[in-house]
């Protein structure tokens, strides 16, 4: 019987436990190796406005927030409520529909972060 190289291969799916993590071999519900780590940046939270790929509709884009995924999700929800608008969290970037840069900068400064406006 041929063995897979160390660190590769192994069980991918179990009927008892479901999907398995390829790194640690534990079920995905119990996996600790893929937990989101706090992103490391330059210490500045950037707030800008983008229209690219949105058919001319503008969104406020917030990047560089030094929080874990769950905390960032809560922050996005609070900012959307404060702005009275919709939005999303994609790949560590918070997008809020509409141009709310001034309001978002004010809210993030209240939380004690160094905030910079990016773009025009």
PDB file of N, CA and C in Angstrom:
ATOM      1  N   UNK A   1       0.843  -1.179   0.000  1.00  0.00           N
ATOM      2  CA  UNK A   1       0.000   0.000   0.000  1.00  0.00           C
ATOM      3  C   UNK A   1       0.886   1.240   0.000  1.00  0.00           C
ATOM      4  N   UNK A   2       0.565   2.158  -0.846  1.00  0.00           N
ATOM      5  CA  UNK A   2       1.338   3.375  -0.996  1.00  0.00           C
ATOM      6  C   UNK A   2       0.831   4.444  -0.021  1.00  0.00           C
ATOM      7  N   UNK A   3       1.746   5.105   0.697  1.00  0.00           N
ATOM      8  CA  UNK A   3       1.371   6.138   1.659  1.00  0.00           C
ATOM      9  C   UNK A   3       1.563   7.520   1.027  1.00  0.00           C
ATOM     10  N   UNK A   4       0.687   8.473   1.386  1.00  0.00           N
ATOM     11  CA  UNK A   4       0.865   9.834   0.882  1.00  0.00           C
ATOM     12  C   UNK A   4       2.056  10.494   1.575  1.00  0.00           C
ATOM     13  N   UNK A   5       2.659  11.492   0.934  1.00  0.00           N
ATOM     14  CA  UNK A   5       3.776  12.201   1.568  1.00  0.00           C
ATOM     15  C   UNK A   5       3.325  12.862   2.866  1.00  0.00           C
ATOM     16  N   UNK A   6       4.247  13.078   3.812  1.00  0.00           N
ATOM     17  CA  UNK A   6       3.868  13.710   5.081  1.00  0.00           C
ATOM     18  C   UNK A   6       3.276  15.104   4.852  1.00  0.00           C
ATOM     19  N   UNK A   7       2.227  15.393   5.610  1.00  0.00           N
ATOM     20  CA  UNK A   7       1.588  16.695   5.504  1.00  0.00           C
ATOM     21  C   UNK A   7       0.610  16.805   4.355  1.00  0.00           C
ATOM     22  N   UNK A   8       0.463  15.767   3.559  1.00  0.00           N
ATOM     23  CA  UNK A   8      -0.459  15.810   2.425  1.00  0.00           C
ATOM     24  C   UNK A   8      -1.298  14.549   2.443  1.00  0.00           C
ATOM     25  N   UNK A   9      -2.401  14.623   1.793  1.00  0.00           N
ATOM     26  CA  UNK A   9      -3.254  13.456   1.692  1.00  0.00           C
ATOM     27  C   UNK A   9      -4.054  13.240   2.963  1.00  0.00           C
ATOM     28  N   UNK A  10      -4.508  12.035   3.181  1.00  0.00           N
ATOM     29  CA  UNK A  10      -5.308  11.724   4.356  1.00  0.00           C
ATOM     30  C   UNK A  10      -6.780  11.751   4.011  1.00  0.00           C
ATOM     31  N   UNK A  11      -7.607  11.599   5.032  1.00  0.00           N
ATOM     32  CA  UNK A  11      -9.037  11.544   4.858  1.00  0.00           C
ATOM     33  C   UNK A  11      -9.587  12.929   4.513  1.00  0.00           C
ATOM     34  N   UNK A  12     -10.455  12.992   3.524  1.00  0.00           N
ATOM     35  CA  UNK A  12     -11.051  14.251   3.100  1.00  0.00           C
ATOM     36  C   UNK A  12     -12.476  14.364   3.602  1.00  0.00           C
ATOM     37  N   UNK A  13     -13.184  13.218   3.671  1.00  0.00           N
ATOM     38  CA  UNK A  13     -14.572  13.231   4.082  1.00  0.00           C
ATOM     39  C   UNK A  13     -14.870  11.966   4.859  1.00  0.00           C
ATOM     40  N   UNK A  14     -15.631  12.101   5.904  1.00  0.00           N
ATOM     41  CA  UNK A  14     -16.055  10.968   6.701  1.00  0.00           C
ATOM     42  C   UNK A  14     -17.569  11.021   6.818  1.00  0.00           C
ATOM     43  N   UNK A  15     -18.238   9.870   6.688  1.00  0.00           N
ATOM     44  CA  UNK A  15     -19.689   9.869   6.804  1.00  0.00           C
ATOM     45  C   UNK A  15     -20.130  10.168   8.228  1.00  0.00           C
ATOM     46  N   UNK A  16     -19.280   9.899   9.214  1.00  0.00           N
ATOM     47  CA  UNK A  16     -19.617  10.210  10.596  1.00  0.00           C
ATOM     48  C   UNK A  16     -19.424  11.688  10.914  1.00  0.00           C
ATOM     49  N   UNK A  17     -18.316  12.268  10.451  1.00  0.00           N
ATOM     50  CA  UNK A  17     -17.915  13.599  10.874  1.00  0.00           C
ATOM     51  C   UNK A  17     -18.045  14.665   9.795  1.00  0.00           C
ATOM     52  N   UNK A  18     -18.262  14.300   8.554  1.00  0.00           N
ATOM     53  CA  UNK A  18     -18.360  15.273   7.478  1.00  0.00           C
ATOM     54  C   UNK A  18     -16.995  15.634   6.919  1.00  0.00           C
ATOM     55  N   UNK A  19     -16.838  16.862   6.441  1.00  0.00           N
ATOM     56  CA  UNK A  19     -15.579  17.306   5.846  1.00  0.00           C
ATOM     57  C   UNK A  19     -14.467  17.353   6.874  1.00  0.00           C
ATOM     58  N   UNK A  20     -13.266  16.983   6.427  1.00  0.00           N
ATOM     59  CA  UNK A  20     -12.089  16.970   7.294  1.00  0.00           C
ATOM     60  C   UNK A  20     -11.105  18.042   6.839  1.00  0.00           C
ATOM     61  N   UNK A  21     -10.398  18.631   7.794  1.00  0.00           N
ATOM     62  CA  UNK A  21      -9.377  19.632   7.492  1.00  0.00           C
ATOM     63  C   UNK A  21      -8.135  18.918   6.968  1.00  0.00           C
ATOM     64  N   UNK A  22      -7.604  19.340   5.815  1.00  0.00           N
ATOM     65  CA  UNK A  22      -6.417  18.673   5.282  1.00  0.00           C
ATOM     66  C   UNK A  22      -5.156  18.947   6.093  1.00  0.00           C
ATOM     67  N   UNK A  23      -5.127  20.028   6.870  1.00  0.00           N
ATOM     68  CA  UNK A  23      -3.928  20.368   7.635  1.00  0.00           C
ATOM     69  C   UNK A  23      -3.807  19.572   8.928  1.00  0.00           C
ATOM     70  N   UNK A  24      -4.872  19.603   9.737  1.00  0.00           N
ATOM     71  CA  UNK A  24      -4.777  18.956  11.046  1.00  0.00           C
ATOM     72  C   UNK A  24      -5.481  17.616  11.103  1.00  0.00           C
ATOM     73  N   UNK A  25      -6.339  17.284  10.128  1.00  0.00           N
ATOM     74  CA  UNK A  25      -7.017  15.998  10.097  1.00  0.00           C
ATOM     75  C   UNK A  25      -8.258  15.931  10.962  1.00  0.00           C
ATOM     76  N   UNK A  26      -8.643  17.038  11.593  1.00  0.00           N
ATOM     77  CA  UNK A  26      -9.848  17.081  12.422  1.00  0.00           C
ATOM     78  C   UNK A  26     -11.038  17.497  11.564  1.00  0.00           C
ATOM     79  N   UNK A  27     -12.267  17.215  12.047  1.00  0.00           N
ATOM     80  CA  UNK A  27     -13.441  17.698  11.318  1.00  0.00           C
ATOM     81  C   UNK A  27     -13.421  19.224  11.254  1.00  0.00           C
ATOM     82  N   UNK A  28     -13.946  19.798  10.180  1.00  0.00           N
ATOM     83  CA  UNK A  28     -13.909  21.249   9.999  1.00  0.00           C
ATOM     84  C   UNK A  28     -14.585  21.998  11.141  1.00  0.00           C
ATOM     85  N   UNK A  29     -15.591  21.397  11.772  1.00  0.00           N
ATOM     86  CA  UNK A  29     -16.258  22.076  12.880  1.00  0.00           C
ATOM     87  C   UNK A  29     -15.350  22.199  14.099  1.00  0.00           C
ATOM     88  N   UNK A  30     -14.341  21.329  14.221  1.00  0.00           N
ATOM     89  CA  UNK A  30     -13.408  21.365  15.349  1.00  0.00           C
ATOM     90  C   UNK A  30     -12.019  21.845  14.963  1.00  0.00           C
ATOM     91  N   UNK A  31     -11.828  22.238  13.719  1.00  0.00           N
ATOM     92  CA  UNK A  31     -10.511  22.658  13.228  1.00  0.00           C
ATOM     93  C   UNK A  31     -10.118  23.993  13.848  1.00  0.00           C
ATOM     94  N   UNK A  32      -8.878  24.066  14.334  1.00  0.00           N
ATOM     95  CA  UNK A  32      -8.378  25.309  14.917  1.00  0.00           C
ATOM     96  C   UNK A  32      -7.286  25.931  14.060  1.00  0.00           C
ATOM     97  N   UNK A  33      -6.780  25.213  13.082  1.00  0.00           N
ATOM     98  CA  UNK A  33      -5.672  25.735  12.279  1.00  0.00           C
ATOM     99  C   UNK A  33      -6.131  26.771  11.260  1.00  0.00           C
ATOM    100  N   UNK A  34      -7.401  26.792  10.896  1.00  0.00           N
ATOM    101  CA  UNK A  34      -7.898  27.728   9.890  1.00  0.00           C
ATOM    102  C   UNK A  34      -8.614  28.917  10.498  1.00  0.00           C
ATOM    103  N   UNK A  35      -8.533  29.095  11.824  1.00  0.00           N
ATOM    104  CA  UNK A  35      -9.201  30.234  12.430  1.00  0.00           C
ATOM    105  C   UNK A  35      -8.590  31.517  11.896  1.00  0.00           C
ATOM    106  N   UNK A  36      -9.449  32.476  11.663  1.00  0.00           N
ATOM    107  CA  UNK A  36      -8.985  33.745  11.093  1.00  0.00           C
ATOM    108  C   UNK A  36      -8.087  34.454  12.095  1.00  0.00           C
ATOM    109  N   UNK A  37      -6.947  34.855  11.623  1.00  0.00           N
ATOM    110  CA  UNK A  37      -6.026  35.614  12.443  1.00  0.00           C
ATOM    111  C   UNK A  37      -6.237  37.091  12.133  1.00  0.00           C
ATOM    112  N   UNK A  38      -5.911  37.940  13.094  1.00  0.00           N
ATOM    113  CA  UNK A  38      -6.069  39.367  12.908  1.00  0.00           C
ATOM    114  C   UNK A  38      -5.117  39.832  11.813  1.00  0.00           C
ATOM    115  N   UNK A  39      -5.628  40.504  10.798  1.00  0.00           N
ATOM    116  CA  UNK A  39      -4.754  40.965   9.730  1.00  0.00           C
ATOM    117  C   UNK A  39      -3.751  41.999  10.242  1.00  0.00           C
ATOM    118  N   UNK A  40      -2.551  41.925   9.718  1.00  0.00           N
ATOM    119  CA  UNK A  40      -1.508  42.860  10.115  1.00  0.00           C
ATOM    120  C   UNK A  40      -1.363  43.888   9.008  1.00  0.00           C
ATOM    121  N   UNK A  41      -1.474  45.137   9.369  1.00  0.00           N
ATOM    122  CA  UNK A  41      -1.349  46.201   8.380  1.00  0.00           C
ATOM    123  C   UNK A  41      -0.391  47.254   8.877  1.00  0.00           C
ATOM    124  N   UNK A  42      -0.550  48.452   8.366  1.00  0.00           N
ATOM    125  CA  UNK A  42       0.335  49.538   8.765  1.00  0.00           C
ATOM    126  C   UNK A  42      -0.249  50.357   9.918  1.00  0.00           C
ATOM    127  N   UNK A  43      -1.365  49.910  10.491  1.00  0.00           N
ATOM    128  CA  UNK A  43      -1.958  50.613  11.625  1.00  0.00           C
ATOM    129  C   UNK A  43      -2.967  51.671  11.230  1.00  0.00           C
ATOM    130  N   UNK A  44      -3.203  51.845   9.944  1.00  0.00           N
ATOM    131  CA  UNK A  44      -4.158  52.840   9.476  1.00  0.00           C
ATOM    132  C   UNK A  44      -5.383  52.150   8.891  1.00  0.00           C
ATOM    133  N   UNK A  45      -6.543  52.678   9.246  1.00  0.00           N
ATOM    134  CA  UNK A  45      -7.790  52.232   8.640  1.00  0.00           C
ATOM    135  C   UNK A  45      -8.076  53.208   7.515  1.00  0.00           C
ATOM    136  N   UNK A  46      -8.303  52.700   6.318  1.00  0.00           N
ATOM    137  CA  UNK A  46      -8.533  53.567   5.158  1.00  0.00           C
ATOM    138  C   UNK A  46      -9.997  53.515   4.736  1.00  0.00           C
ATOM    139  N   UNK A  47     -10.538  54.696   4.474  1.00  0.00           N
ATOM    140  CA  UNK A  47     -11.930  54.832   4.051  1.00  0.00           C
ATOM    141  C   UNK A  47     -11.931  55.527   2.705  1.00  0.00           C
ATOM    142  N   UNK A  48     -12.511  54.883   1.714  1.00  0.00           N
ATOM    143  CA  UNK A  48     -12.547  55.451   0.374  1.00  0.00           C
ATOM    144  C   UNK A  48     -13.889  55.208  -0.291  1.00  0.00           C
ATOM    145  N   UNK A  49     -13.969  55.631  -1.531  1.00  0.00           N
ATOM    146  CA  UNK A  49     -15.193  55.456  -2.317  1.00  0.00           C
ATOM    147  C   UNK A  49     -14.826  54.814  -3.643  1.00  0.00           C
ATOM    148  N   UNK A  50     -15.596  53.806  -4.053  1.00  0.00           N
ATOM    149  CA  UNK A  50     -15.352  53.125  -5.325  1.00  0.00           C
ATOM    150  C   UNK A  50     -16.644  53.016  -6.110  1.00  0.00           C
ATOM    151  N   UNK A  51     -16.486  53.025  -7.438  1.00  0.00           N
ATOM    152  CA  UNK A  51     -17.625  52.780  -8.325  1.00  0.00           C
ATOM    153  C   UNK A  51     -17.308  51.677  -9.321  1.00  0.00           C
ATOM    154  N   UNK A  52     -16.060  51.247  -9.354  1.00  0.00           N
ATOM    155  CA  UNK A  52     -15.628  50.269 -10.345  1.00  0.00           C
ATOM    156  C   UNK A  52     -16.392  48.942 -10.203  1.00  0.00           C
ATOM    157  N   UNK A  53     -16.947  48.468 -11.303  1.00  0.00           N
ATOM    158  CA  UNK A  53     -17.647  47.191 -11.321  1.00  0.00           C
ATOM    159  C   UNK A  53     -19.027  47.227 -10.694  1.00  0.00           C
ATOM    160  N   UNK A  54     -19.571  48.430 -10.493  1.00  0.00           N
ATOM    161  CA  UNK A  54     -20.865  48.543  -9.826  1.00  0.00           C
ATOM    162  C   UNK A  54     -21.864  49.366 -10.643  1.00  0.00           C
ATOM    163  N   UNK A  55     -21.626  49.444 -11.932  1.00  0.00           N
ATOM    164  CA  UNK A  55     -22.500  50.165 -12.861  1.00  0.00           C
ATOM    165  C   UNK A  55     -22.706  51.618 -12.443  1.00  0.00           C
ATOM    166  N   UNK A  56     -21.637  52.258 -11.962  1.00  0.00           N
ATOM    167  CA  UNK A  56     -21.696  53.662 -11.604  1.00  0.00           C
ATOM    168  C   UNK A  56     -22.182  53.953 -10.197  1.00  0.00           C
ATOM    169  N   UNK A  57     -22.642  52.945  -9.508  1.00  0.00           N
ATOM    170  CA  UNK A  57     -23.110  53.136  -8.137  1.00  0.00           C
ATOM    171  C   UNK A  57     -21.913  53.207  -7.204  1.00  0.00           C
ATOM    172  N   UNK A  58     -21.891  54.158  -6.322  1.00  0.00           N
ATOM    173  CA  UNK A  58     -20.763  54.325  -5.410  1.00  0.00           C
ATOM    174  C   UNK A  58     -20.954  53.561  -4.116  1.00  0.00           C
ATOM    175  N   UNK A  59     -19.860  53.047  -3.573  1.00  0.00           N
ATOM    176  CA  UNK A  59     -19.875  52.404  -2.263  1.00  0.00           C
ATOM    177  C   UNK A  59     -18.714  52.960  -1.444  1.00  0.00           C
ATOM    178  N   UNK A  60     -18.897  53.012  -0.140  1.00  0.00           N
ATOM    179  CA  UNK A  60     -17.833  53.396   0.775  1.00  0.00           C
ATOM    180  C   UNK A  60     -17.080  52.125   1.132  1.00  0.00           C
ATOM    181  N   UNK A  61     -15.759  52.153   0.957  1.00  0.00           N
ATOM    182  CA  UNK A  61     -14.926  50.975   1.173  1.00  0.00           C
ATOM    183  C   UNK A  61     -14.016  51.237   2.372  1.00  0.00           C
ATOM    184  N   UNK A  62     -14.024  50.294   3.333  1.00  0.00           N
ATOM    185  CA  UNK A  62     -13.225  50.418   4.547  1.00  0.00           C
ATOM    186  C   UNK A  62     -12.241  49.257   4.590  1.00  0.00           C
ATOM    187  N   UNK A  63     -10.943  49.567   4.599  1.00  0.00           N
ATOM    188  CA  UNK A  63      -9.911  48.534   4.614  1.00  0.00           C
ATOM    189  C   UNK A  63      -8.948  48.770   5.767  1.00  0.00           C
ATOM    190  N   UNK A  64      -8.228  47.719   6.136  1.00  0.00           N
ATOM    191  CA  UNK A  64      -7.187  47.830   7.152  1.00  0.00           C
ATOM    192  C   UNK A  64      -7.691  47.793   8.577  1.00  0.00           C
ATOM    193  N   UNK A  65      -8.904  47.292   8.795  1.00  0.00           N
ATOM    194  CA  UNK A  65      -9.447  47.226  10.155  1.00  0.00           C
ATOM    195  C   UNK A  65      -8.786  46.055  10.890  1.00  0.00           C
ATOM    196  N   UNK A  66      -8.131  46.321  12.026  1.00  0.00           N
ATOM    197  CA  UNK A  66      -7.397  45.262  12.727  1.00  0.00           C
ATOM    198  C   UNK A  66      -8.283  44.434  13.654  1.00  0.00           C
ATOM    199  N   UNK A  67      -9.242  43.715  13.087  1.00  0.00           N
ATOM    200  CA  UNK A  67     -10.152  42.886  13.873  1.00  0.00           C
ATOM    201  C   UNK A  67     -10.249  41.492  13.269  1.00  0.00           C
ATOM    202  N   UNK A  68     -10.653  40.538  14.089  1.00  0.00           N
ATOM    203  CA  UNK A  68     -10.935  39.187  13.607  1.00  0.00           C
ATOM    204  C   UNK A  68     -12.258  39.218  12.840  1.00  0.00           C
ATOM    205  N   UNK A  69     -12.559  38.135  12.136  1.00  0.00           N
ATOM    206  CA  UNK A  69     -13.723  38.092  11.241  1.00  0.00           C
ATOM    207  C   UNK A  69     -15.038  38.383  11.973  1.00  0.00           C
ATOM    208  N   UNK A  70     -15.255  37.751  13.121  1.00  0.00           N
ATOM    209  CA  UNK A  70     -16.526  37.932  13.832  1.00  0.00           C
ATOM    210  C   UNK A  70     -16.678  39.378  14.316  1.00  0.00           C
ATOM    211  N   UNK A  71     -15.590  39.955  14.819  1.00  0.00           N
ATOM    212  CA  UNK A  71     -15.641  41.338  15.282  1.00  0.00           C
ATOM    213  C   UNK A  71     -15.846  42.296  14.117  1.00  0.00           C
ATOM    214  N   UNK A  72     -15.231  41.979  12.980  1.00  0.00           N
ATOM    215  CA  UNK A  72     -15.389  42.818  11.801  1.00  0.00           C
ATOM    216  C   UNK A  72     -16.823  42.738  11.276  1.00  0.00           C
ATOM    217  N   UNK A  73     -17.430  41.561  11.372  1.00  0.00           N
ATOM    218  CA  UNK A  73     -18.824  41.400  10.956  1.00  0.00           C
ATOM    219  C   UNK A  73     -19.729  42.272  11.829  1.00  0.00           C
ATOM    220  N   UNK A  74     -19.464  42.299  13.137  1.00  0.00           N
ATOM    221  CA  UNK A  74     -20.254  43.131  14.048  1.00  0.00           C
ATOM    222  C   UNK A  74     -20.048  44.615  13.743  1.00  0.00           C
ATOM    223  N   UNK A  75     -18.804  45.013  13.461  1.00  0.00           N
ATOM    224  CA  UNK A  75     -18.521  46.407  13.115  1.00  0.00           C
ATOM    225  C   UNK A  75     -19.245  46.806  11.837  1.00  0.00           C
ATOM    226  N   UNK A  76     -19.232  45.929  10.831  1.00  0.00           N
ATOM    227  CA  UNK A  76     -19.927  46.216   9.572  1.00  0.00           C
ATOM    228  C   UNK A  76     -21.415  46.418   9.815  1.00  0.00           C
ATOM    229  N   UNK A  77     -22.001  45.583  10.649  1.00  0.00           N
ATOM    230  CA  UNK A  77     -23.425  45.710  10.962  1.00  0.00           C
ATOM    231  C   UNK A  77     -23.716  47.038  11.652  1.00  0.00           C
ATOM    232  N   UNK A  78     -22.862  47.421  12.618  1.00  0.00           N
ATOM    233  CA  UNK A  78     -23.065  48.683  13.319  1.00  0.00           C
ATOM    234  C   UNK A  78     -22.919  49.883  12.384  1.00  0.00           C
ATOM    235  N   UNK A  79     -21.927  49.835  11.495  1.00  0.00           N
ATOM    236  CA  UNK A  79     -21.733  50.937  10.558  1.00  0.00           C
ATOM    237  C   UNK A  79     -22.885  51.040   9.564  1.00  0.00           C
ATOM    238  N   UNK A  80     -23.388  49.902   9.103  1.00  0.00           N
ATOM    239  CA  UNK A  80     -24.524  49.922   8.175  1.00  0.00           C
ATOM    240  C   UNK A  80     -25.752  50.523   8.846  1.00  0.00           C
ATOM    241  N   UNK A  81     -25.975  50.173  10.115  1.00  0.00           N
ATOM    242  CA  UNK A  81     -27.115  50.745  10.845  1.00  0.00           C
ATOM    243  C   UNK A  81     -26.930  52.243  11.044  1.00  0.00           C
ATOM    244  N   UNK A  82     -25.718  52.664  11.375  1.00  0.00           N
ATOM    245  CA  UNK A  82     -25.419  54.082  11.605  1.00  0.00           C
ATOM    246  C   UNK A  82     -25.629  54.893  10.331  1.00  0.00           C
ATOM    247  N   UNK A  83     -25.255  54.304   9.184  1.00  0.00           N
ATOM    248  CA  UNK A  83     -25.400  54.997   7.899  1.00  0.00           C
ATOM    249  C   UNK A  83     -26.805  54.858   7.326  1.00  0.00           C
ATOM    250  N   UNK A  84     -27.580  53.911   7.844  1.00  0.00           N
ATOM    251  CA  UNK A  84     -28.920  53.678   7.310  1.00  0.00           C
ATOM    252  C   UNK A  84     -28.875  53.132   5.903  1.00  0.00           C
ATOM    253  N   UNK A  85     -27.926  52.217   5.672  1.00  0.00           N
ATOM    254  CA  UNK A  85     -27.704  51.710   4.326  1.00  0.00           C
ATOM    255  C   UNK A  85     -27.322  50.238   4.388  1.00  0.00           C
ATOM    256  N   UNK A  86     -27.333  49.601   3.241  1.00  0.00           N
ATOM    257  CA  UNK A  86     -26.911  48.213   3.150  1.00  0.00           C
ATOM    258  C   UNK A  86     -25.422  48.122   2.921  1.00  0.00           C
ATOM    259  N   UNK A  87     -24.933  46.913   2.867  1.00  0.00           N
ATOM    260  CA  UNK A  87     -23.519  46.712   2.613  1.00  0.00           C
ATOM    261  C   UNK A  87     -23.136  45.266   2.834  1.00  0.00           C
ATOM    262  N   UNK A  88     -21.815  45.019   2.825  1.00  0.00           N
ATOM    263  CA  UNK A  88     -21.330  43.651   2.966  1.00  0.00           C
ATOM    264  C   UNK A  88     -19.912  43.654   3.506  1.00  0.00           C
ATOM    265  N   UNK A  89     -19.455  42.468   3.875  1.00  0.00           N
ATOM    266  CA  UNK A  89     -18.078  42.243   4.284  1.00  0.00           C
ATOM    267  C   UNK A  89     -17.516  41.189   3.345  1.00  0.00           C
ATOM    268  N   UNK A  90     -16.510  41.572   2.547  1.00  0.00           N
ATOM    269  CA  UNK A  90     -15.896  40.650   1.588  1.00  0.00           C
ATOM    270  C   UNK A  90     -14.392  40.644   1.786  1.00  0.00           C
ATOM    271  N   UNK A  91     -13.820  39.504   2.100  1.00  0.00           N
ATOM    272  CA  UNK A  91     -12.373  39.332   2.195  1.00  0.00           C
ATOM    273  C   UNK A  91     -11.706  40.390   3.077  1.00  0.00           C
ATOM    274  N   UNK A  92     -12.308  40.697   4.215  1.00  0.00           N
ATOM    275  CA  UNK A  92     -11.721  41.654   5.137  1.00  0.00           C
ATOM    276  C   UNK A  92     -11.937  43.112   4.746  1.00  0.00           C
ATOM    277  N   UNK A  93     -12.781  43.364   3.753  1.00  0.00           N
ATOM    278  CA  UNK A  93     -13.081  44.725   3.301  1.00  0.00           C
ATOM    279  C   UNK A  93     -14.566  44.978   3.540  1.00  0.00           C
ATOM    280  N   UNK A  94     -14.868  46.055   4.251  1.00  0.00           N
ATOM    281  CA  UNK A  94     -16.261  46.411   4.509  1.00  0.00           C
ATOM    282  C   UNK A  94     -16.720  47.358   3.411  1.00  0.00           C
ATOM    283  N   UNK A  95     -17.841  47.030   2.788  1.00  0.00           N
ATOM    284  CA  UNK A  95     -18.426  47.882   1.748  1.00  0.00           C
ATOM    285  C   UNK A  95     -19.795  48.340   2.232  1.00  0.00           C
ATOM    286  N   UNK A  96     -20.028  49.645   2.189  1.00  0.00           N
ATOM    287  CA  UNK A  96     -21.315  50.215   2.572  1.00  0.00           C
ATOM    288  C   UNK A  96     -21.862  50.965   1.372  1.00  0.00           C
ATOM    289  N   UNK A  97     -23.103  50.690   1.019  1.00  0.00           N
ATOM    290  CA  UNK A  97     -23.697  51.293  -0.159  1.00  0.00           C
ATOM    291  C   UNK A  97     -23.862  52.792   0.029  1.00  0.00           C
ATOM    292  N   UNK A  98     -23.428  53.559  -0.971  1.00  0.00           N
ATOM    293  CA  UNK A  98     -23.550  55.008  -0.930  1.00  0.00           C
ATOM    294  C   UNK A  98     -22.267  55.664  -0.456  1.00  0.00           C
ATOM    295  N   UNK A  99     -22.246  56.991  -0.502  1.00  0.00           N
ATOM    296  CA  UNK A  99     -21.082  57.765  -0.091  1.00  0.00           C
ATOM    297  C   UNK A  99     -21.279  58.234   1.345  1.00  0.00           C
ATOM    298  N   UNK A 100     -20.707  57.498   2.294  1.00  0.00           N
ATOM    299  CA  UNK A 100     -20.824  57.812   3.717  1.00  0.00           C
ATOM    300  C   UNK A 100     -19.451  58.000   4.348  1.00  0.00           C
ATOM    301  N   UNK A 101     -18.500  58.492   3.578  1.00  0.00           N
ATOM    302  CA  UNK A 101     -17.123  58.582   4.069  1.00  0.00           C
ATOM    303  C   UNK A 101     -16.995  59.431   5.324  1.00  0.00           C
ATOM    304  N   UNK A 102     -17.612  60.602   5.349  1.00  0.00           N
ATOM    305  CA  UNK A 102     -17.471  61.496   6.502  1.00  0.00           C
ATOM    306  C   UNK A 102     -18.014  60.845   7.778  1.00  0.00           C
ATOM    307  N   UNK A 103     -19.170  60.233   7.677  1.00  0.00           N
ATOM    308  CA  UNK A 103     -19.791  59.590   8.829  1.00  0.00           C
ATOM    309  C   UNK A 103     -18.968  58.400   9.316  1.00  0.00           C
ATOM    310  N   UNK A 104     -18.458  57.607   8.392  1.00  0.00           N
ATOM    311  CA  UNK A 104     -17.666  56.429   8.749  1.00  0.00           C
ATOM    312  C   UNK A 104     -16.349  56.840   9.395  1.00  0.00           C
ATOM    313  N   UNK A 105     -15.689  57.865   8.851  1.00  0.00           N
ATOM    314  CA  UNK A 105     -14.425  58.348   9.431  1.00  0.00           C
ATOM    315  C   UNK A 105     -14.663  58.816  10.862  1.00  0.00           C
ATOM    316  N   UNK A 106     -15.742  59.547  11.079  1.00  0.00           N
ATOM    317  CA  UNK A 106     -16.077  60.040  12.413  1.00  0.00           C
ATOM    318  C   UNK A 106     -16.314  58.878  13.385  1.00  0.00           C
ATOM    319  N   UNK A 107     -17.066  57.869  12.955  1.00  0.00           N
ATOM    320  CA  UNK A 107     -17.365  56.720  13.817  1.00  0.00           C
ATOM    321  C   UNK A 107     -16.106  55.927  14.160  1.00  0.00           C
ATOM    322  N   UNK A 108     -15.242  55.711  13.194  1.00  0.00           N
ATOM    323  CA  UNK A 108     -14.027  54.931  13.445  1.00  0.00           C
ATOM    324  C   UNK A 108     -13.041  55.699  14.330  1.00  0.00           C
ATOM    325  N   UNK A 109     -12.991  57.003  14.204  1.00  0.00           N
ATOM    326  CA  UNK A 109     -12.123  57.807  15.085  1.00  0.00           C
ATOM    327  C   UNK A 109     -12.626  57.760  16.517  1.00  0.00           C
ATOM    328  N   UNK A 110     -13.958  57.713  16.704  1.00  0.00           N
ATOM    329  CA  UNK A 110     -14.521  57.584  18.045  1.00  0.00           C
ATOM    330  C   UNK A 110     -14.070  56.283  18.705  1.00  0.00           C
ATOM    331  N   UNK A 111     -13.837  55.259  17.890  1.00  0.00           N
ATOM    332  CA  UNK A 111     -13.397  53.956  18.406  1.00  0.00           C
ATOM    333  C   UNK A 111     -11.897  53.921  18.673  1.00  0.00           C
ATOM    334  N   UNK A 112     -11.197  55.016  18.354  1.00  0.00           N
ATOM    335  CA  UNK A 112      -9.787  55.123  18.691  1.00  0.00           C
ATOM    336  C   UNK A 112      -8.809  54.677  17.633  1.00  0.00           C
ATOM    337  N   UNK A 113      -9.249  54.493  16.405  1.00  0.00           N
ATOM    338  CA  UNK A 113      -8.345  54.071  15.334  1.00  0.00           C
ATOM    339  C   UNK A 113      -7.815  55.275  14.577  1.00  0.00           C
ATOM    340  N   UNK A 114      -6.628  55.104  13.986  1.00  0.00           N
ATOM    341  CA  UNK A 114      -6.052  56.113  13.116  1.00  0.00           C
ATOM    342  C   UNK A 114      -6.683  55.928  11.743  1.00  0.00           C
ATOM    343  N   UNK A 115      -7.484  56.890  11.323  1.00  0.00           N
ATOM    344  CA  UNK A 115      -8.275  56.743  10.087  1.00  0.00           C
ATOM    345  C   UNK A 115      -7.770  57.717   9.051  1.00  0.00           C
ATOM    346  N   UNK A 116      -7.603  57.226   7.818  1.00  0.00           N
ATOM    347  CA  UNK A 116      -7.218  58.066   6.696  1.00  0.00           C
ATOM    348  C   UNK A 116      -8.241  57.917   5.578  1.00  0.00           C
ATOM    349  N   UNK A 117      -8.521  59.033   4.924  1.00  0.00           N
ATOM    350  CA  UNK A 117      -9.369  58.962   3.725  1.00  0.00           C
ATOM    351  C   UNK A 117      -8.485  58.639   2.548  1.00  0.00           C
ATOM    352  N   UNK A 118      -8.897  57.693   1.750  1.00  0.00           N
ATOM    353  CA  UNK A 118      -8.116  57.330   0.572  1.00  0.00           C
ATOM    354  C   UNK A 118      -8.897  57.686  -0.678  1.00  0.00           C
ATOM    355  N   UNK A 119      -8.203  57.872  -1.758  1.00  0.00           N
ATOM    356  CA  UNK A 119      -8.851  58.234  -3.007  1.00  0.00           C
ATOM    357  C   UNK A 119      -9.098  59.721  -3.083  1.00  0.00           C
ATOM    358  N   UNK A 120     -10.059  60.109  -3.912  1.00  0.00           N
ATOM    359  CA  UNK A 120     -10.299  61.521  -4.166  1.00  0.00           C
ATOM    360  C   UNK A 120     -11.237  62.194  -3.272  1.00  0.00           C
TER     361      UNK A 120
END
